[in-house]
Amino acid sequence: MTSTTHRDSCVIFNTATFQQKIADLSAPFVTRFAKITRSYIFFHAFFTFVLCLELIFFGLLFSRFLQSTAMAFWLAGIFLTVFTYLVLLFYLQGRRPERLTQLRDEFIETIHSCIPFDPGTLEYHCCITEAIVHLISLLRIRSMENRWILATETLSYLVEKFRIWTKWKDLLKLKEMLLLTSIQEHIRLIKKEPSDLEAHASLASNYVALATLYQDPKKLALNEELCWEPPEYSSDEMRKKFEMALERALEEYHIIDEYEPKDPWVHAQRASLYKELEKAEEEQKEYEQILQMDPNNNEILLRLGKLYFRKGETAKGLKIYDQLQDLDHNKATELISEY
């Protein structure tokens, strides 16, 4: 492993021409995904509208229906609408994974055609990863822009919630499938070259990106203005997926550490993952190891000092505060505010 800058990105072949080619190839797939999600929105909206109309007319004409057989026919129509909706919903849900898989496979096949490197090389796998990351960055849930809907706060909230509800699962599934494809590409490379530390670092970053999908719907949708968070994000299943992805990333950094035990960057990456996993003891050990190699690292001193204060180890935190007073007064002030 050569440098931190080099490690932080898996992009090896990074010319403007290749970047533009990726952008051009990604655009049609973003459009296709948008069409898929719009079709589901239209499906739900259409049946919701029809059912609401049927119920409204049923309520308005209820007194007339009491004296005629029309009530039976009207109720039958309502049940038929619900039955049709459920049957079509079951069919569409069965087709969803197939359509998303086809979209992913066609994208990967298209990207293969414009990569100038031989399959099996680190550069080849990293080009695929770069293309996948670019496509993921384009997949998002945009905020509502219709001014008539935005004029009413309640309607705006309901419409926005409906849009998120109909899109977020497909968005999560496609991004998950793309990242898993990138992960599989790296694993194939590592099987050929097990000691390639750049490949291990890139694989770890892919696992971290995968974990991010399970953590925050705003990060998933690339939109900080989302008004509603799907309750599934608070489920044990989502938390388990999040933790599993980070544990896999930690395994990769442990492998790198075996080859490069004196690399502060590796310990910093592990510390950040332990923080996400809420493992304060392990996080503390990583910071302490970094300081053994770089005693005057202001940023690490600040993080460790804050951690000491959160854990109630005040004496250690104040000792670090004294160190920062001599090294960086601003960071010392920031640290003591945590006291």
Protein backbone atom coordinates (compact mmCIF):
# COMPACT_ATOMS: atom_id res chain seq x y z
CA MET A 1 0.00 0.00 0.00
CA THR A 2 1.56 3.22 -1.12
CA SER A 3 -0.25 6.24 0.29
CA THR A 4 -3.41 7.25 2.11
CA THR A 5 -4.61 9.29 -0.85
CA HIS A 6 -4.18 6.33 -3.13
CA ARG A 7 -5.97 4.01 -0.70
CA ASP A 8 -8.95 6.24 -0.09
CA SER A 9 -10.17 5.74 -3.65
CA CYS A 10 -10.41 2.59 -5.67
CA VAL A 11 -10.16 4.60 -8.89
CA ILE A 12 -6.98 3.58 -10.65
CA PHE A 13 -7.85 4.49 -14.25
CA ASN A 14 -9.40 7.91 -13.87
CA THR A 15 -9.16 9.92 -17.11
CA ALA A 16 -11.71 12.57 -18.06
CA THR A 17 -12.67 10.48 -21.09
CA PHE A 18 -13.50 7.44 -19.00
CA GLN A 19 -15.42 9.57 -16.49
CA GLN A 20 -17.50 11.07 -19.28
CA LYS A 21 -18.10 7.64 -20.78
CA ILE A 22 -19.43 6.38 -17.45
CA ALA A 23 -21.74 9.38 -17.18
CA ASP A 24 -23.08 8.82 -20.71
CA LEU A 25 -23.64 5.11 -20.12
CA SER A 26 -25.27 5.60 -16.71
CA ALA A 27 -27.89 8.14 -17.79
CA PRO A 28 -30.17 5.70 -19.70
CA PHE A 29 -30.17 3.27 -16.77
CA VAL A 30 -31.17 6.03 -14.35
CA THR A 31 -34.04 6.87 -16.70
CA ARG A 32 -35.10 3.22 -16.89
CA PHE A 33 -35.08 2.90 -13.11
CA ALA A 34 -37.18 6.07 -12.83
CA LYS A 35 -39.71 4.57 -15.27
CA ILE A 36 -39.89 1.38 -13.20
CA THR A 37 -40.59 3.28 -9.99
CA ARG A 38 -43.06 5.62 -11.71
CA SER A 39 -45.03 2.65 -12.98
CA TYR A 40 -45.44 1.41 -9.40
CA ILE A 41 -46.45 4.87 -8.22
CA PHE A 42 -49.08 5.07 -10.97
CA PHE A 43 -50.34 1.58 -10.10
CA HIS A 44 -50.86 2.41 -6.42
CA ALA A 45 -52.24 5.88 -7.17
CA PHE A 46 -54.73 4.56 -9.76
CA PHE A 47 -56.25 1.91 -7.50
CA THR A 48 -56.27 4.28 -4.52
CA PHE A 49 -58.16 6.84 -6.60
CA VAL A 50 -60.68 4.29 -7.93
CA LEU A 51 -61.30 2.80 -4.50
CA CYS A 52 -61.77 6.23 -2.92
CA LEU A 53 -64.30 7.17 -5.62
CA GLU A 54 -66.22 3.95 -5.06
CA LEU A 55 -66.33 4.49 -1.31
CA ILE A 56 -67.34 8.15 -1.64
CA PHE A 57 -70.22 7.38 -4.01
CA PHE A 58 -71.24 4.46 -1.83
CA GLY A 59 -71.46 6.80 1.17
CA LEU A 60 -73.37 9.48 -0.75
CA LEU A 61 -75.89 7.02 -2.23
CA PHE A 62 -76.13 4.72 0.79
CA SER A 63 -79.73 5.68 1.60
CA ARG A 64 -80.85 4.81 -1.94
CA PHE A 65 -78.96 1.54 -1.95
CA LEU A 66 -80.85 0.35 1.14
CA GLN A 67 -84.01 -0.12 -0.89
CA SER A 68 -82.46 -1.77 -3.95
CA THR A 69 -80.24 -4.57 -5.11
CA ALA A 70 -77.72 -1.98 -6.31
CA MET A 71 -75.99 -2.16 -2.92
CA ALA A 72 -74.96 -5.74 -3.55
CA PHE A 73 -73.57 -4.88 -6.96
CA TRP A 74 -71.76 -1.82 -5.63
CA LEU A 75 -70.19 -3.78 -2.77
CA ALA A 76 -69.21 -6.47 -5.26
CA GLY A 77 -67.51 -3.79 -7.36
CA ILE A 78 -65.56 -2.55 -4.33
CA PHE A 79 -64.43 -6.06 -3.44
CA LEU A 80 -63.51 -6.70 -7.08
CA THR A 81 -61.35 -3.56 -7.10
CA VAL A 82 -59.57 -4.65 -3.91
CA PHE A 83 -59.13 -8.20 -5.22
CA THR A 84 -57.75 -6.97 -8.57
CA TYR A 85 -55.35 -4.64 -6.76
CA LEU A 86 -54.03 -7.43 -4.51
CA VAL A 87 -53.60 -9.88 -7.41
CA LEU A 88 -51.74 -7.34 -9.54
CA LEU A 89 -49.68 -6.24 -6.53
CA PHE A 90 -48.62 -9.83 -5.92
CA TYR A 91 -47.65 -10.18 -9.59
CA LEU A 92 -45.70 -6.91 -9.67
CA GLN A 93 -43.86 -7.72 -6.46
CA GLY A 94 -42.80 -11.00 -8.00
CA ARG A 95 -41.46 -9.22 -11.09
CA ARG A 96 -39.66 -6.45 -9.22
CA PRO A 97 -36.46 -8.38 -8.37
CA GLU A 98 -36.32 -9.73 -11.93
CA ARG A 99 -36.53 -6.26 -13.48
CA LEU A 100 -33.93 -4.82 -11.12
CA THR A 101 -31.58 -7.76 -11.70
CA GLN A 102 -31.92 -7.31 -15.45
CA LEU A 103 -31.18 -3.60 -15.10
CA ARG A 104 -28.06 -4.29 -13.05
CA ASP A 105 -26.77 -7.03 -15.36
CA GLU A 106 -27.23 -4.90 -18.47
CA PHE A 107 -25.40 -2.01 -16.80
CA ILE A 108 -22.43 -4.19 -15.83
CA GLU A 109 -22.30 -5.69 -19.33
CA THR A 110 -22.36 -2.20 -20.86
CA ILE A 111 -19.53 -1.02 -18.61
CA HIS A 112 -17.42 -4.07 -19.49
CA SER A 113 -17.35 -2.95 -23.11
CA CYS A 114 -15.62 0.36 -22.36
CA ILE A 115 -12.96 -0.81 -19.87
CA PRO A 116 -9.51 -0.91 -21.53
CA PHE A 117 -7.94 -3.23 -18.94
CA ASP A 118 -7.74 -7.00 -18.95
CA PRO A 119 -10.31 -8.82 -16.79
CA GLY A 120 -8.80 -9.98 -13.51
CA THR A 121 -6.55 -6.96 -12.98
CA LEU A 122 -7.01 -4.53 -10.11
CA GLU A 123 -7.53 -1.71 -12.61
CA TYR A 124 -10.34 -3.62 -14.32
CA HIS A 125 -12.21 -4.32 -11.08
CA CYS A 126 -11.74 -0.76 -9.86
CA CYS A 127 -13.14 0.63 -13.10
CA ILE A 128 -16.27 -1.46 -12.58
CA THR A 129 -16.48 -0.23 -8.99
CA GLU A 130 -16.07 3.37 -10.12
CA ALA A 131 -18.92 2.95 -12.61
CA ILE A 132 -21.13 1.35 -9.96
CA VAL A 133 -20.40 4.13 -7.47
CA HIS A 134 -21.22 6.72 -10.13
CA LEU A 135 -24.55 5.07 -10.95
CA ILE A 136 -25.42 4.82 -7.25
CA SER A 137 -24.72 8.54 -6.86
CA LEU A 138 -27.31 9.26 -9.56
CA LEU A 139 -30.04 7.09 -8.01
CA ARG A 140 -32.02 9.19 -5.57
CA ILE A 141 -35.47 10.24 -4.41
CA ARG A 142 -35.84 13.86 -5.40
CA SER A 143 -37.92 16.33 -3.42
CA MET A 144 -41.37 17.29 -4.66
CA GLU A 145 -41.22 20.34 -6.94
CA ASN A 146 -44.89 20.82 -7.86
CA ARG A 147 -45.80 24.27 -6.51
CA TRP A 148 -49.53 23.44 -6.24
CA ILE A 149 -48.82 20.50 -3.97
CA LEU A 150 -46.15 22.38 -2.03
CA ALA A 151 -48.64 25.18 -1.35
CA THR A 152 -50.47 22.94 1.15
CA GLU A 153 -48.28 21.59 3.94
CA THR A 154 -50.48 18.59 4.76
CA LEU A 155 -50.91 17.56 1.12
CA SER A 156 -47.20 18.06 0.50
CA TYR A 157 -46.34 15.77 3.42
CA LEU A 158 -48.78 13.06 2.32
CA VAL A 159 -47.62 13.11 -1.30
CA GLU A 160 -43.95 13.09 -0.27
CA LYS A 161 -44.56 10.19 2.12
CA PHE A 162 -46.40 8.28 -0.61
CA ARG A 163 -43.51 8.83 -3.05
CA ILE A 164 -40.94 7.62 -0.52
CA TRP A 165 -43.09 4.61 0.40
CA THR A 166 -43.38 3.51 -3.24
CA LYS A 167 -39.70 4.08 -4.12
CA TRP A 168 -37.39 3.40 -1.21
CA LYS A 169 -37.45 -0.42 -1.31
CA ASP A 170 -36.58 -0.51 -5.01
CA LEU A 171 -33.88 2.09 -4.46
CA LEU A 172 -32.39 0.09 -1.59
CA LYS A 173 -32.58 -3.18 -3.52
CA LEU A 174 -30.88 -1.85 -6.66
CA LYS A 175 -28.10 -0.08 -4.75
CA GLU A 176 -27.60 -3.19 -2.64
CA MET A 177 -27.37 -5.37 -5.75
CA LEU A 178 -24.87 -3.01 -7.38
CA LEU A 179 -22.61 -2.88 -4.32
CA LEU A 180 -22.76 -6.65 -3.88
CA THR A 181 -21.66 -6.99 -7.50
CA SER A 182 -18.71 -4.70 -6.79
CA ILE A 183 -17.89 -6.74 -3.69
CA GLN A 184 -17.98 -9.97 -5.69
CA GLU A 185 -15.61 -8.45 -8.26
CA HIS A 186 -13.12 -7.63 -5.50
CA ILE A 187 -13.41 -11.06 -3.92
CA ARG A 188 -12.64 -12.67 -7.29
CA LEU A 189 -9.55 -10.48 -7.56
CA ILE A 190 -8.42 -11.25 -4.01
CA LYS A 191 -8.73 -14.97 -4.67
CA LYS A 192 -6.17 -14.52 -7.46
CA GLU A 193 -3.94 -12.13 -5.49
CA PRO A 194 -4.62 -12.67 -1.76
CA SER A 195 -1.87 -10.29 -0.63
CA ASP A 196 -2.99 -7.31 -2.74
CA LEU A 197 -3.58 -4.76 0.03
CA GLU A 198 -5.11 -2.19 -2.32
CA ALA A 199 -7.80 -4.72 -3.21
CA HIS A 200 -8.49 -5.43 0.48
CA ALA A 201 -8.77 -1.69 1.22
CA SER A 202 -11.12 -1.17 -1.71
CA LEU A 203 -13.23 -4.15 -0.63
CA ALA A 204 -13.46 -2.70 2.89
CA SER A 205 -14.70 0.63 1.50
CA ASN A 206 -17.38 -1.25 -0.44
CA TYR A 207 -18.59 -2.94 2.75
CA VAL A 208 -18.73 0.46 4.47
CA ALA A 209 -20.79 1.86 1.58
CA LEU A 210 -23.11 -1.15 1.86
CA ALA A 211 -23.54 -0.53 5.60
CA THR A 212 -24.49 3.08 4.89
CA LEU A 213 -27.52 1.90 2.92
CA TYR A 214 -28.93 0.23 6.03
CA GLN A 215 -28.27 3.14 8.36
CA ASP A 216 -30.05 6.25 7.15
CA PRO A 217 -32.77 6.59 4.48
CA LYS A 218 -31.62 10.15 3.75
CA LYS A 219 -28.20 8.80 2.78
CA LEU A 220 -29.84 6.04 0.76
CA ALA A 221 -31.95 8.54 -1.18
CA LEU A 222 -29.15 11.17 -1.33
CA ASN A 223 -31.68 13.70 -0.09
CA GLU A 224 -31.39 15.36 3.32
CA GLU A 225 -34.89 16.87 2.99
CA LEU A 226 -36.88 13.64 3.17
CA CYS A 227 -39.88 14.18 5.44
CA TRP A 228 -40.54 10.56 6.36
CA GLU A 229 -38.39 7.66 7.52
CA PRO A 230 -39.61 4.12 6.71
CA PRO A 231 -40.12 2.22 10.00
CA GLU A 232 -38.12 -0.70 8.61
CA TYR A 233 -34.96 1.29 9.27
CA SER A 234 -35.54 0.85 13.00
CA SER A 235 -35.94 -2.92 12.70
CA ASP A 236 -33.56 -5.52 14.11
CA GLU A 237 -33.08 -6.96 10.62
CA MET A 238 -31.77 -3.67 9.23
CA ARG A 239 -29.49 -3.17 12.23
CA LYS A 240 -28.16 -6.70 11.81
CA LYS A 241 -27.35 -6.07 8.12
CA PHE A 242 -25.64 -2.82 9.07
CA GLU A 243 -23.48 -4.49 11.72
CA MET A 244 -22.64 -7.45 9.48
CA ALA A 245 -21.39 -5.19 6.69
CA LEU A 246 -19.18 -3.23 9.11
CA GLU A 247 -17.81 -6.45 10.61
CA ARG A 248 -16.82 -7.58 7.12
CA ALA A 249 -15.06 -4.25 6.57
CA LEU A 250 -13.22 -4.71 9.87
CA GLU A 251 -12.03 -8.14 8.73
CA GLU A 252 -10.46 -6.57 5.66
CA TYR A 253 -8.69 -3.92 7.75
CA HIS A 254 -7.44 -6.65 10.11
CA ILE A 255 -5.90 -8.39 7.10
CA ILE A 256 -4.18 -5.17 6.03
CA ASP A 257 -2.95 -4.67 9.59
CA GLU A 258 -1.26 -8.07 9.51
CA TYR A 259 0.80 -6.94 6.52
CA GLU A 260 1.20 -3.27 7.57
CA PRO A 261 1.04 -3.19 11.39
CA LYS A 262 2.53 0.31 11.66
CA ASP A 263 0.04 2.06 9.38
CA PRO A 264 -1.95 4.77 11.25
CA TRP A 265 -4.50 4.95 8.43
CA VAL A 266 -5.64 1.37 9.05
CA HIS A 267 -6.13 2.03 12.77
CA ALA A 268 -8.07 5.23 11.99
CA GLN A 269 -10.41 3.30 9.69
CA ARG A 270 -10.98 0.63 12.31
CA ALA A 271 -11.62 3.26 14.99
CA SER A 272 -14.32 4.89 12.86
CA LEU A 273 -16.00 1.51 12.33
CA TYR A 274 -15.87 0.67 16.03
CA LYS A 275 -17.49 4.03 16.70
CA GLU A 276 -20.35 3.14 14.34
CA LEU A 277 -20.70 -0.22 16.09
CA GLU A 278 -20.71 1.58 19.47
CA LYS A 279 -17.69 -0.37 20.71
CA ALA A 280 -15.97 2.33 22.74
CA GLU A 281 -13.24 0.11 24.20
CA GLU A 282 -12.02 -1.06 20.80
CA GLU A 283 -12.26 2.47 19.41
CA GLN A 284 -10.13 3.75 22.28
CA LYS A 285 -7.45 1.10 21.68
CA GLU A 286 -7.18 2.08 18.03
CA TYR A 287 -6.69 5.76 18.87
CA GLU A 288 -4.09 4.89 21.49
CA GLN A 289 -2.16 2.81 18.96
CA ILE A 290 -2.19 5.71 16.49
CA LEU A 291 -0.80 8.04 19.15
CA GLN A 292 2.03 5.60 19.83
CA MET A 293 3.09 6.10 16.22
CA ASP A 294 2.14 9.77 15.95
CA PRO A 295 1.99 11.37 19.44
CA ASN A 296 1.21 14.88 18.17
CA ASN A 297 -1.72 14.02 15.91
CA ASN A 298 -4.16 16.78 16.91
CA GLU A 299 -7.24 15.20 15.35
CA ILE A 300 -6.69 11.84 17.03
CA LEU A 301 -5.97 13.51 20.37
CA LEU A 302 -9.26 15.38 20.08
CA ARG A 303 -11.24 12.22 19.25
CA LEU A 304 -9.61 10.26 22.06
CA GLY A 305 -10.16 13.07 24.55
CA LYS A 306 -13.86 13.26 23.68
CA LEU A 307 -14.10 9.50 24.03
CA TYR A 308 -12.49 9.64 27.49
CA PHE A 309 -15.00 12.27 28.62
CA ARG A 310 -17.95 10.24 27.27
CA LYS A 311 -16.70 7.17 29.13
CA GLY A 312 -16.23 9.12 32.34
CA GLU A 313 -12.42 8.86 32.33
CA THR A 314 -12.07 12.53 33.15
CA ALA A 315 -8.44 12.47 34.29
CA LYS A 316 -7.26 11.04 30.97
CA GLY A 317 -9.41 13.51 29.08
CA LEU A 318 -7.94 16.47 30.96
CA LYS A 319 -4.43 15.19 30.33
CA ILE A 320 -5.11 15.22 26.59
CA TYR A 321 -6.59 18.70 26.99
CA ASP A 322 -3.26 19.87 28.40
CA GLN A 323 -1.47 18.38 25.39
CA LEU A 324 -3.80 20.11 22.95
CA GLN A 325 -3.29 23.42 24.74
CA ASP A 326 0.30 23.34 23.52
CA LEU A 327 -0.48 21.96 20.06
CA ASP A 328 -3.79 23.48 18.92
CA HIS A 329 -5.74 25.93 21.09
CA ASN A 330 -8.93 25.66 19.00
CA LYS A 331 -9.07 21.88 19.34
CA ALA A 332 -8.35 22.21 23.07
CA THR A 333 -11.35 24.55 23.39
CA GLU A 334 -13.51 22.12 21.43
CA LEU A 335 -12.43 19.26 23.69
CA ILE A 336 -13.07 21.04 26.99
CA SER A 337 -16.61 21.86 25.82
CA GLU A 338 -17.28 18.11 26.09
CA TYR A 339 -16.25 18.10 29.76
